[in-house]
Amino acid sequence: MIDRRQADDPEHGAQFAMRTDPVNVALLNRKRQMAASGISVRGAAHTSLFATAEAARIACSHPSVLPQSSAITTASAFMQPDGLVAWIDNMNQQTQRYSSWCGAAVVSKISYSIGVPVSQETAAVPSWTNSVADAGTSREAMGVSLNNVARSKVGWNYYAVEVPDYNITQAQRDTFHANIGFDVRSGWPLGVAILEEPGVDTEIYIHLPGHPQMQWIRHWIEIGGYWYAAGSPDNIYHADSAQNPWPSTPTTNWYPERRMGTLIGGASYYW
């Protein structure tokens, strides 16, 4: 098991408040009920990810390598008939305009992915987000922003927040796994906050590709696919806007779910 954290959570108070806020609790309970019942939510114009006659003609044997990034941006609709591979149609990717605009970039990417485009500039306006993007996007501001987008699509607040422990538990990892599956199959990207801590050992102090290993980083990314092939580690597909300030950061990437689960410990994600 990868476990990088031994210290107490420095944001324990803020996390506890978010977990117990009545509005967030109500949203989360509704999402959990939807997921448990198998209900999926799409706007009328959004393409279904469930296997169509065309998708059924795709060979259901798993290829020997993960699907390439180009396939993600050009596929019309794809969920492998066995359900172990799925991604969101034409998931949008952008580089953040400024080094502190990862949150604004994620909101914009998700808005384009679900068909109700919002620019990074709009997503960064304090009156729209209840935040100041130049100081980074807070957990609360991300919820406001994503649900502004969601209401444009379906008329109500879709996104609920999960706040894993600083030392993420296996139960929280399992919930993350399930929530990714539900949202991807429904065609909604996740907005995910990660916490990267400086350290030499890359198996303990995990950083996403292209992120400086010896920096303490809080960052928002977009998740929109999964690859659960039998006999290999689970992988998830994410888009990262951090080419500004780190040009070597891949725009999109398949990444081990286990490592991503470690990175969300002490942070949060909207699904």
C-alpha atoms as a PDB file:
ATOM      1  CA  MET A   1       0.000   0.000   0.000  1.00  0.00           C
ATOM      2  CA  ILE A   2       1.248   3.477  -0.880  1.00  0.00           C
ATOM      3  CA  ASP A   3       1.008   5.667   2.212  1.00  0.00           C
ATOM      4  CA  ARG A   4       2.976   8.890   2.182  1.00  0.00           C
ATOM      5  CA  ARG A   5       1.322  10.594   5.113  1.00  0.00           C
ATOM      6  CA  GLN A   6       2.224  10.323   8.759  1.00  0.00           C
ATOM      7  CA  ALA A   7       1.382  13.832   9.940  1.00  0.00           C
ATOM      8  CA  ASP A   8      -1.995  15.144  11.049  1.00  0.00           C
ATOM      9  CA  ASP A   9      -4.202  16.767   8.443  1.00  0.00           C
ATOM     10  CA  PRO A  10      -3.530  20.535   8.482  1.00  0.00           C
ATOM     11  CA  GLU A  11      -7.014  21.198   7.076  1.00  0.00           C
ATOM     12  CA  HIS A  12      -8.941  18.896   9.383  1.00  0.00           C
ATOM     13  CA  GLY A  13     -11.245  21.677  10.568  1.00  0.00           C
ATOM     14  CA  ALA A  14     -12.119  22.844   7.064  1.00  0.00           C
ATOM     15  CA  GLN A  15     -12.699  19.282   5.885  1.00  0.00           C
ATOM     16  CA  PHE A  16     -14.961  18.507   8.823  1.00  0.00           C
ATOM     17  CA  ALA A  17     -17.004  21.661   8.155  1.00  0.00           C
ATOM     18  CA  MET A  18     -17.440  20.699   4.503  1.00  0.00           C
ATOM     19  CA  ARG A  19     -18.507  17.173   5.391  1.00  0.00           C
ATOM     20  CA  THR A  20     -21.171  18.403   7.817  1.00  0.00           C
ATOM     21  CA  ASP A  21     -22.508  21.399   5.860  1.00  0.00           C
ATOM     22  CA  PRO A  22     -26.245  20.683   5.351  1.00  0.00           C
ATOM     23  CA  VAL A  23     -26.270  21.793   1.701  1.00  0.00           C
ATOM     24  CA  ASN A  24     -23.332  19.570   0.811  1.00  0.00           C
ATOM     25  CA  VAL A  25     -24.727  16.667   2.817  1.00  0.00           C
ATOM     26  CA  ALA A  26     -28.023  16.913   0.909  1.00  0.00           C
ATOM     27  CA  LEU A  27     -26.248  17.024  -2.455  1.00  0.00           C
ATOM     28  CA  LEU A  28     -24.021  14.114  -1.557  1.00  0.00           C
ATOM     29  CA  ASN A  29     -26.913  11.985  -0.331  1.00  0.00           C
ATOM     30  CA  ARG A  30     -28.788  12.600  -3.584  1.00  0.00           C
ATOM     31  CA  LYS A  31     -25.766  11.649  -5.694  1.00  0.00           C
ATOM     32  CA  ARG A  32     -25.214   8.510  -3.642  1.00  0.00           C
ATOM     33  CA  GLN A  33     -28.854   7.510  -4.068  1.00  0.00           C
ATOM     34  CA  MET A  34     -28.598   8.046  -7.820  1.00  0.00           C
ATOM     35  CA  ALA A  35     -25.431   5.968  -8.023  1.00  0.00           C
ATOM     36  CA  ALA A  36     -26.905   3.183  -5.896  1.00  0.00           C
ATOM     37  CA  SER A  37     -30.011   3.002  -8.083  1.00  0.00           C
ATOM     38  CA  GLY A  38     -28.046   3.071 -11.344  1.00  0.00           C
ATOM     39  CA  ILE A  39     -29.680   6.298 -12.527  1.00  0.00           C
ATOM     40  CA  SER A  40     -27.573   8.350 -14.910  1.00  0.00           C
ATOM     41  CA  VAL A  41     -28.157  11.993 -15.766  1.00  0.00           C
ATOM     42  CA  ARG A  42     -27.646  13.527 -19.172  1.00  0.00           C
ATOM     43  CA  GLY A  43     -28.877  16.639 -20.867  1.00  0.00           C
ATOM     44  CA  ALA A  44     -30.952  15.951 -23.961  1.00  0.00           C
ATOM     45  CA  ALA A  45     -28.113  16.943 -26.283  1.00  0.00           C
ATOM     46  CA  HIS A  46     -25.432  14.906 -24.562  1.00  0.00           C
ATOM     47  CA  THR A  47     -24.287  11.690 -26.237  1.00  0.00           C
ATOM     48  CA  SER A  48     -24.904   8.478 -24.295  1.00  0.00           C
ATOM     49  CA  LEU A  49     -21.853   6.504 -23.253  1.00  0.00           C
ATOM     50  CA  PHE A  50     -23.779   3.263 -23.046  1.00  0.00           C
ATOM     51  CA  ALA A  51     -23.094   0.700 -25.750  1.00  0.00           C
ATOM     52  CA  THR A  52     -24.928   1.553 -28.943  1.00  0.00           C
ATOM     53  CA  ALA A  53     -25.156  -0.686 -31.972  1.00  0.00           C
ATOM     54  CA  GLU A  54     -22.041   1.021 -33.292  1.00  0.00           C
ATOM     55  CA  ALA A  55     -20.133   0.609 -30.016  1.00  0.00           C
ATOM     56  CA  ALA A  56     -21.164  -3.034 -29.851  1.00  0.00           C
ATOM     57  CA  ARG A  57     -19.280  -3.643 -33.081  1.00  0.00           C
ATOM     58  CA  ILE A  58     -16.029  -2.632 -31.368  1.00  0.00           C
ATOM     59  CA  ALA A  59     -14.080  -5.735 -30.398  1.00  0.00           C
ATOM     60  CA  CYS A  60     -14.601  -6.305 -26.699  1.00  0.00           C
ATOM     61  CA  SER A  61     -11.209  -7.920 -26.069  1.00  0.00           C
ATOM     62  CA  HIS A  62      -8.859  -5.577 -24.261  1.00  0.00           C
ATOM     63  CA  PRO A  63      -5.967  -4.275 -26.356  1.00  0.00           C
ATOM     64  CA  SER A  64      -2.486  -4.901 -25.031  1.00  0.00           C
ATOM     65  CA  VAL A  65      -1.912  -1.209 -24.312  1.00  0.00           C
ATOM     66  CA  LEU A  66      -4.077   1.549 -22.918  1.00  0.00           C
ATOM     67  CA  PRO A  67      -6.058   3.562 -25.477  1.00  0.00           C
ATOM     68  CA  GLN A  68      -4.048   6.475 -26.812  1.00  0.00           C
ATOM     69  CA  SER A  69      -4.891  10.062 -25.962  1.00  0.00           C
ATOM     70  CA  SER A  70      -5.863  10.749 -29.573  1.00  0.00           C
ATOM     71  CA  ALA A  71      -8.621   8.175 -29.303  1.00  0.00           C
ATOM     72  CA  ILE A  72     -10.107  10.027 -26.368  1.00  0.00           C
ATOM     73  CA  THR A  73     -10.475  13.291 -28.254  1.00  0.00           C
ATOM     74  CA  THR A  74     -11.809  11.798 -31.472  1.00  0.00           C
ATOM     75  CA  ALA A  75     -14.113   8.958 -30.360  1.00  0.00           C
ATOM     76  CA  SER A  76     -17.837   9.627 -30.812  1.00  0.00           C
ATOM     77  CA  ALA A  77     -19.033   7.442 -27.941  1.00  0.00           C
ATOM     78  CA  PHE A  78     -17.259   4.625 -26.232  1.00  0.00           C
ATOM     79  CA  MET A  79     -17.898   2.180 -23.455  1.00  0.00           C
ATOM     80  CA  GLN A  80     -16.538  -1.262 -24.083  1.00  0.00           C
ATOM     81  CA  PRO A  81     -19.370  -3.817 -24.013  1.00  0.00           C
ATOM     82  CA  ASP A  82     -17.925  -5.544 -20.959  1.00  0.00           C
ATOM     83  CA  GLY A  83     -18.062  -2.219 -19.077  1.00  0.00           C
ATOM     84  CA  LEU A  84     -14.416  -2.277 -17.987  1.00  0.00           C
ATOM     85  CA  VAL A  85     -13.299   0.605 -20.193  1.00  0.00           C
ATOM     86  CA  ALA A  86     -15.142   3.889 -20.676  1.00  0.00           C
ATOM     87  CA  TRP A  87     -14.373   7.505 -21.344  1.00  0.00           C
ATOM     88  CA  ILE A  88     -16.258  10.716 -21.915  1.00  0.00           C
ATOM     89  CA  ASP A  89     -16.778  11.732 -25.512  1.00  0.00           C
ATOM     90  CA  ASN A  90     -14.371  14.427 -26.650  1.00  0.00           C
ATOM     91  CA  MET A  91     -13.345  15.420 -23.141  1.00  0.00           C
ATOM     92  CA  ASN A  92     -12.083  18.977 -23.321  1.00  0.00           C
ATOM     93  CA  GLN A  93      -8.521  19.916 -22.383  1.00  0.00           C
ATOM     94  CA  GLN A  94      -7.064  23.403 -21.953  1.00  0.00           C
ATOM     95  CA  THR A  95      -3.882  24.927 -20.567  1.00  0.00           C
ATOM     96  CA  GLN A  96      -4.616  27.239 -17.669  1.00  0.00           C
ATOM     97  CA  ARG A  97      -4.253  30.919 -18.587  1.00  0.00           C
ATOM     98  CA  TYR A  98      -2.266  31.756 -15.464  1.00  0.00           C
ATOM     99  CA  SER A  99      -0.342  29.630 -13.001  1.00  0.00           C
ATOM    100  CA  SER A 100      -3.048  29.986 -10.336  1.00  0.00           C
ATOM    101  CA  TRP A 101      -5.975  29.252 -12.669  1.00  0.00           C
ATOM    102  CA  CYS A 102      -6.072  25.462 -12.488  1.00  0.00           C
ATOM    103  CA  GLY A 103      -9.522  25.648 -10.914  1.00  0.00           C
ATOM    104  CA  ALA A 104     -10.851  28.023 -13.555  1.00  0.00           C
ATOM    105  CA  ALA A 105      -9.397  25.749 -16.238  1.00  0.00           C
ATOM    106  CA  VAL A 106     -11.116  22.670 -14.783  1.00  0.00           C
ATOM    107  CA  VAL A 107     -14.474  24.448 -14.630  1.00  0.00           C
ATOM    108  CA  SER A 108     -14.068  25.564 -18.252  1.00  0.00           C
ATOM    109  CA  LYS A 109     -12.956  22.117 -19.422  1.00  0.00           C
ATOM    110  CA  ILE A 110     -15.898  20.420 -17.764  1.00  0.00           C
ATOM    111  CA  SER A 111     -18.312  22.998 -19.181  1.00  0.00           C
ATOM    112  CA  TYR A 112     -17.057  22.371 -22.721  1.00  0.00           C
ATOM    113  CA  SER A 113     -17.101  18.610 -22.180  1.00  0.00           C
ATOM    114  CA  ILE A 114     -20.804  18.595 -21.274  1.00  0.00           C
ATOM    115  CA  GLY A 115     -21.787  21.106 -23.946  1.00  0.00           C
ATOM    116  CA  VAL A 116     -22.409  24.368 -22.038  1.00  0.00           C
ATOM    117  CA  PRO A 117     -19.153  26.273 -22.673  1.00  0.00           C
ATOM    118  CA  VAL A 118     -17.806  28.704 -20.090  1.00  0.00           C
ATOM    119  CA  SER A 119     -14.459  30.423 -20.572  1.00  0.00           C
ATOM    120  CA  GLN A 120     -11.681  30.405 -17.996  1.00  0.00           C
ATOM    121  CA  GLU A 121     -12.125  34.170 -17.733  1.00  0.00           C
ATOM    122  CA  THR A 122     -15.772  33.736 -16.762  1.00  0.00           C
ATOM    123  CA  ALA A 123     -14.954  30.898 -14.381  1.00  0.00           C
ATOM    124  CA  ALA A 124     -12.414  33.164 -12.664  1.00  0.00           C
ATOM    125  CA  VAL A 125     -14.778  36.097 -12.053  1.00  0.00           C
ATOM    126  CA  PRO A 126     -15.239  36.462  -8.265  1.00  0.00           C
ATOM    127  CA  SER A 127     -18.962  37.212  -8.591  1.00  0.00           C
ATOM    128  CA  TRP A 128     -19.429  33.930 -10.477  1.00  0.00           C
ATOM    129  CA  THR A 129     -17.317  31.706  -8.225  1.00  0.00           C
ATOM    130  CA  ASN A 130     -17.468  33.430  -4.838  1.00  0.00           C
ATOM    131  CA  SER A 131     -13.679  33.249  -4.983  1.00  0.00           C
ATOM    132  CA  VAL A 132     -10.568  34.993  -6.246  1.00  0.00           C
ATOM    133  CA  ALA A 133      -8.858  32.874  -8.895  1.00  0.00           C
ATOM    134  CA  ASP A 134      -5.552  34.716  -8.522  1.00  0.00           C
ATOM    135  CA  ALA A 135      -5.297  33.145  -5.077  1.00  0.00           C
ATOM    136  CA  GLY A 136      -6.318  29.724  -6.360  1.00  0.00           C
ATOM    137  CA  THR A 137      -9.749  28.101  -6.358  1.00  0.00           C
ATOM    138  CA  SER A 138     -10.985  26.928  -2.991  1.00  0.00           C
ATOM    139  CA  ARG A 139     -12.970  23.754  -2.448  1.00  0.00           C
ATOM    140  CA  GLU A 140     -16.111  25.786  -1.816  1.00  0.00           C
ATOM    141  CA  ALA A 141     -15.625  27.973  -4.913  1.00  0.00           C
ATOM    142  CA  MET A 142     -15.190  24.906  -7.098  1.00  0.00           C
ATOM    143  CA  GLY A 143     -18.561  23.600  -5.947  1.00  0.00           C
ATOM    144  CA  VAL A 144     -20.260  26.908  -6.715  1.00  0.00           C
ATOM    145  CA  SER A 145     -18.633  27.073 -10.149  1.00  0.00           C
ATOM    146  CA  LEU A 146     -19.332  23.486 -11.201  1.00  0.00           C
ATOM    147  CA  ASN A 147     -22.952  23.718 -10.166  1.00  0.00           C
ATOM    148  CA  ASN A 148     -23.346  26.994 -12.058  1.00  0.00           C
ATOM    149  CA  VAL A 149     -22.331  24.913 -15.076  1.00  0.00           C
ATOM    150  CA  ALA A 150     -24.513  21.951 -14.095  1.00  0.00           C
ATOM    151  CA  ARG A 151     -27.637  24.111 -13.745  1.00  0.00           C
ATOM    152  CA  SER A 152     -27.079  25.364 -17.287  1.00  0.00           C
ATOM    153  CA  LYS A 153     -27.151  21.732 -18.433  1.00  0.00           C
ATOM    154  CA  VAL A 154     -29.818  20.006 -16.342  1.00  0.00           C
ATOM    155  CA  GLY A 155     -31.417  22.769 -14.259  1.00  0.00           C
ATOM    156  CA  TRP A 156     -30.195  21.651 -10.843  1.00  0.00           C
ATOM    157  CA  ASN A 157     -27.023  21.145  -8.830  1.00  0.00           C
ATOM    158  CA  TYR A 158     -25.384  17.926 -10.000  1.00  0.00           C
ATOM    159  CA  TYR A 159     -21.975  18.073  -8.332  1.00  0.00           C
ATOM    160  CA  ALA A 160     -21.411  16.913  -4.757  1.00  0.00           C
ATOM    161  CA  VAL A 161     -18.115  16.888  -2.883  1.00  0.00           C
ATOM    162  CA  GLU A 162     -16.253  14.020  -1.246  1.00  0.00           C
ATOM    163  CA  VAL A 163     -13.535  14.942   1.261  1.00  0.00           C
ATOM    164  CA  PRO A 164     -11.208  11.981   1.902  1.00  0.00           C
ATOM    165  CA  ASP A 165      -9.112  11.778   5.042  1.00  0.00           C
ATOM    166  CA  TYR A 166      -5.555  13.073   4.949  1.00  0.00           C
ATOM    167  CA  ASN A 167      -4.540   9.421   5.344  1.00  0.00           C
ATOM    168  CA  ILE A 168      -7.098   8.110   2.859  1.00  0.00           C
ATOM    169  CA  THR A 169      -8.846   4.918   3.953  1.00  0.00           C
ATOM    170  CA  GLN A 170      -9.532   1.881   1.789  1.00  0.00           C
ATOM    171  CA  ALA A 171     -13.254   2.585   2.053  1.00  0.00           C
ATOM    172  CA  GLN A 172     -12.655   6.081   0.669  1.00  0.00           C
ATOM    173  CA  ARG A 173     -10.570   4.627  -2.154  1.00  0.00           C
ATOM    174  CA  ASP A 174     -13.418   2.251  -2.975  1.00  0.00           C
ATOM    175  CA  THR A 175     -15.875   5.155  -2.998  1.00  0.00           C
ATOM    176  CA  PHE A 176     -13.593   7.121  -5.340  1.00  0.00           C
ATOM    177  CA  HIS A 177     -13.461   4.112  -7.665  1.00  0.00           C
ATOM    178  CA  ALA A 178     -17.244   3.765  -7.694  1.00  0.00           C
ATOM    179  CA  ASN A 179     -17.876   7.481  -8.155  1.00  0.00           C
ATOM    180  CA  ILE A 180     -15.516   7.675 -11.136  1.00  0.00           C
ATOM    181  CA  GLY A 181     -17.423   4.834 -12.771  1.00  0.00           C
ATOM    182  CA  PHE A 182     -20.802   6.439 -12.189  1.00  0.00           C
ATOM    183  CA  ASP A 183     -19.845   9.875 -13.503  1.00  0.00           C
ATOM    184  CA  VAL A 184     -17.935   8.626 -16.538  1.00  0.00           C
ATOM    185  CA  ARG A 185     -20.780   6.339 -17.572  1.00  0.00           C
ATOM    186  CA  SER A 186     -23.152   9.291 -17.132  1.00  0.00           C
ATOM    187  CA  GLY A 187     -20.944  11.567 -19.235  1.00  0.00           C
ATOM    188  CA  TRP A 188     -19.905  14.008 -16.494  1.00  0.00           C
ATOM    189  CA  PRO A 189     -16.195  14.667 -15.805  1.00  0.00           C
ATOM    190  CA  LEU A 190     -15.040  14.898 -12.201  1.00  0.00           C
ATOM    191  CA  GLY A 191     -13.296  17.975 -10.777  1.00  0.00           C
ATOM    192  CA  VAL A 192     -10.505  16.624  -8.594  1.00  0.00           C
ATOM    193  CA  ALA A 193      -8.199  18.402  -6.154  1.00  0.00           C
ATOM    194  CA  ILE A 194      -4.848  16.791  -5.388  1.00  0.00           C
ATOM    195  CA  LEU A 195      -2.188  17.416  -2.777  1.00  0.00           C
ATOM    196  CA  GLU A 196       1.442  16.787  -3.763  1.00  0.00           C
ATOM    197  CA  GLU A 197       4.128  16.905  -1.079  1.00  0.00           C
ATOM    198  CA  PRO A 198       7.867  17.420  -1.631  1.00  0.00           C
ATOM    199  CA  GLY A 199      10.189  14.469  -1.133  1.00  0.00           C
ATOM    200  CA  VAL A 200      12.840  12.404  -2.865  1.00  0.00           C
ATOM    201  CA  ASP A 201      11.064   9.026  -2.801  1.00  0.00           C
ATOM    202  CA  THR A 202       8.626   9.138  -5.722  1.00  0.00           C
ATOM    203  CA  GLU A 203       6.691   6.137  -4.398  1.00  0.00           C
ATOM    204  CA  ILE A 204       5.891   7.992  -1.175  1.00  0.00           C
ATOM    205  CA  TYR A 205       5.835  11.635  -2.285  1.00  0.00           C
ATOM    206  CA  ILE A 206       3.734  11.172  -5.383  1.00  0.00           C
ATOM    207  CA  HIS A 207       3.536  13.846  -8.081  1.00  0.00           C
ATOM    208  CA  LEU A 208       1.742  13.780 -11.411  1.00  0.00           C
ATOM    209  CA  PRO A 209       3.977  13.641 -14.501  1.00  0.00           C
ATOM    210  CA  GLY A 210       5.614  16.985 -15.219  1.00  0.00           C
ATOM    211  CA  HIS A 211       5.010  18.414 -11.745  1.00  0.00           C
ATOM    212  CA  PRO A 212       8.164  19.459  -9.825  1.00  0.00           C
ATOM    213  CA  GLN A 213       8.996  16.687  -7.367  1.00  0.00           C
ATOM    214  CA  MET A 214      10.353  18.969  -4.645  1.00  0.00           C
ATOM    215  CA  GLN A 215       7.409  21.365  -4.508  1.00  0.00           C
ATOM    216  CA  TRP A 216       4.334  21.395  -2.295  1.00  0.00           C
ATOM    217  CA  ILE A 217       1.449  21.639  -4.764  1.00  0.00           C
ATOM    218  CA  ARG A 218      -2.326  21.926  -4.497  1.00  0.00           C
ATOM    219  CA  HIS A 219      -3.901  21.513  -7.905  1.00  0.00           C
ATOM    220  CA  TRP A 220      -7.201  20.836  -9.696  1.00  0.00           C
ATOM    221  CA  ILE A 221      -7.496  18.326 -12.549  1.00  0.00           C
ATOM    222  CA  GLU A 222     -10.295  16.779 -14.610  1.00  0.00           C
ATOM    223  CA  ILE A 223     -10.995  13.011 -14.652  1.00  0.00           C
ATOM    224  CA  GLY A 224     -13.081  11.505 -17.444  1.00  0.00           C
ATOM    225  CA  GLY A 225     -12.246   7.864 -18.094  1.00  0.00           C
ATOM    226  CA  TYR A 226     -11.349   4.522 -16.561  1.00  0.00           C
ATOM    227  CA  TRP A 227      -9.584   1.335 -17.635  1.00  0.00           C
ATOM    228  CA  TYR A 228     -10.245  -1.645 -15.394  1.00  0.00           C
ATOM    229  CA  ALA A 229      -8.622  -4.434 -17.390  1.00  0.00           C
ATOM    230  CA  ALA A 230      -8.475  -7.816 -15.698  1.00  0.00           C
ATOM    231  CA  GLY A 231      -5.015  -8.756 -14.491  1.00  0.00           C
ATOM    232  CA  SER A 232      -3.587  -5.240 -14.467  1.00  0.00           C
ATOM    233  CA  PRO A 233      -3.788  -2.224 -12.119  1.00  0.00           C
ATOM    234  CA  ASP A 234      -6.812   0.035 -12.487  1.00  0.00           C
ATOM    235  CA  ASN A 235      -6.082   3.214 -14.459  1.00  0.00           C
ATOM    236  CA  ILE A 236      -8.010   6.449 -14.834  1.00  0.00           C
ATOM    237  CA  TYR A 237      -7.872   9.059 -17.567  1.00  0.00           C
ATOM    238  CA  HIS A 238      -7.249  12.667 -16.578  1.00  0.00           C
ATOM    239  CA  ALA A 239      -6.602  16.026 -18.207  1.00  0.00           C
ATOM    240  CA  ASP A 240      -4.084  18.405 -16.618  1.00  0.00           C
ATOM    241  CA  SER A 241      -3.903  22.145 -17.351  1.00  0.00           C
ATOM    242  CA  ALA A 242      -0.487  22.714 -15.721  1.00  0.00           C
ATOM    243  CA  GLN A 243       1.541  23.266 -18.927  1.00  0.00           C
ATOM    244  CA  ASN A 244       1.553  26.789 -17.509  1.00  0.00           C
ATOM    245  CA  PRO A 245       3.814  26.916 -15.489  1.00  0.00           C
ATOM    246  CA  TRP A 246       5.278  23.422 -16.195  1.00  0.00           C
ATOM    247  CA  PRO A 247       5.507  22.844 -19.980  1.00  0.00           C
ATOM    248  CA  SER A 248       6.511  19.182 -19.685  1.00  0.00           C
ATOM    249  CA  THR A 249       3.194  18.264 -18.026  1.00  0.00           C
ATOM    250  CA  PRO A 250       1.210  15.897 -20.298  1.00  0.00           C
ATOM    251  CA  THR A 251      -2.106  17.390 -21.367  1.00  0.00           C
ATOM    252  CA  THR A 252      -3.849  14.048 -20.901  1.00  0.00           C
ATOM    253  CA  ASN A 253      -2.714  10.824 -19.347  1.00  0.00           C
ATOM    254  CA  TRP A 254      -3.734   7.359 -18.169  1.00  0.00           C
ATOM    255  CA  TYR A 255      -2.639   7.123 -14.538  1.00  0.00           C
ATOM    256  CA  PRO A 256      -2.803   4.421 -11.837  1.00  0.00           C
ATOM    257  CA  GLU A 257      -5.926   4.862  -9.747  1.00  0.00           C
ATOM    258  CA  ARG A 258      -4.065   3.750  -6.637  1.00  0.00           C
ATOM    259  CA  ARG A 259      -1.603   6.640  -6.902  1.00  0.00           C
ATOM    260  CA  MET A 260      -4.341   9.134  -7.710  1.00  0.00           C
ATOM    261  CA  GLY A 261      -6.226   7.945  -4.646  1.00  0.00           C
ATOM    262  CA  THR A 262      -3.222   8.813  -2.524  1.00  0.00           C
ATOM    263  CA  LEU A 263      -3.076  12.288  -4.059  1.00  0.00           C
ATOM    264  CA  ILE A 264      -6.685  13.113  -3.164  1.00  0.00           C
ATOM    265  CA  GLY A 265      -6.062  12.346   0.508  1.00  0.00           C
ATOM    266  CA  GLY A 266      -6.235  15.650   2.369  1.00  0.00           C
ATOM    267  CA  ALA A 267      -7.910  17.268  -0.640  1.00  0.00           C
ATOM    268  CA  SER A 268     -11.339  16.685  -2.231  1.00  0.00           C
ATOM    269  CA  TYR A 269     -13.195  15.913  -5.436  1.00  0.00           C
ATOM    270  CA  TYR A 270     -16.506  16.816  -7.038  1.00  0.00           C
ATOM    271  CA  TRP A 271     -18.529  14.121  -8.774  1.00  0.00           C
END
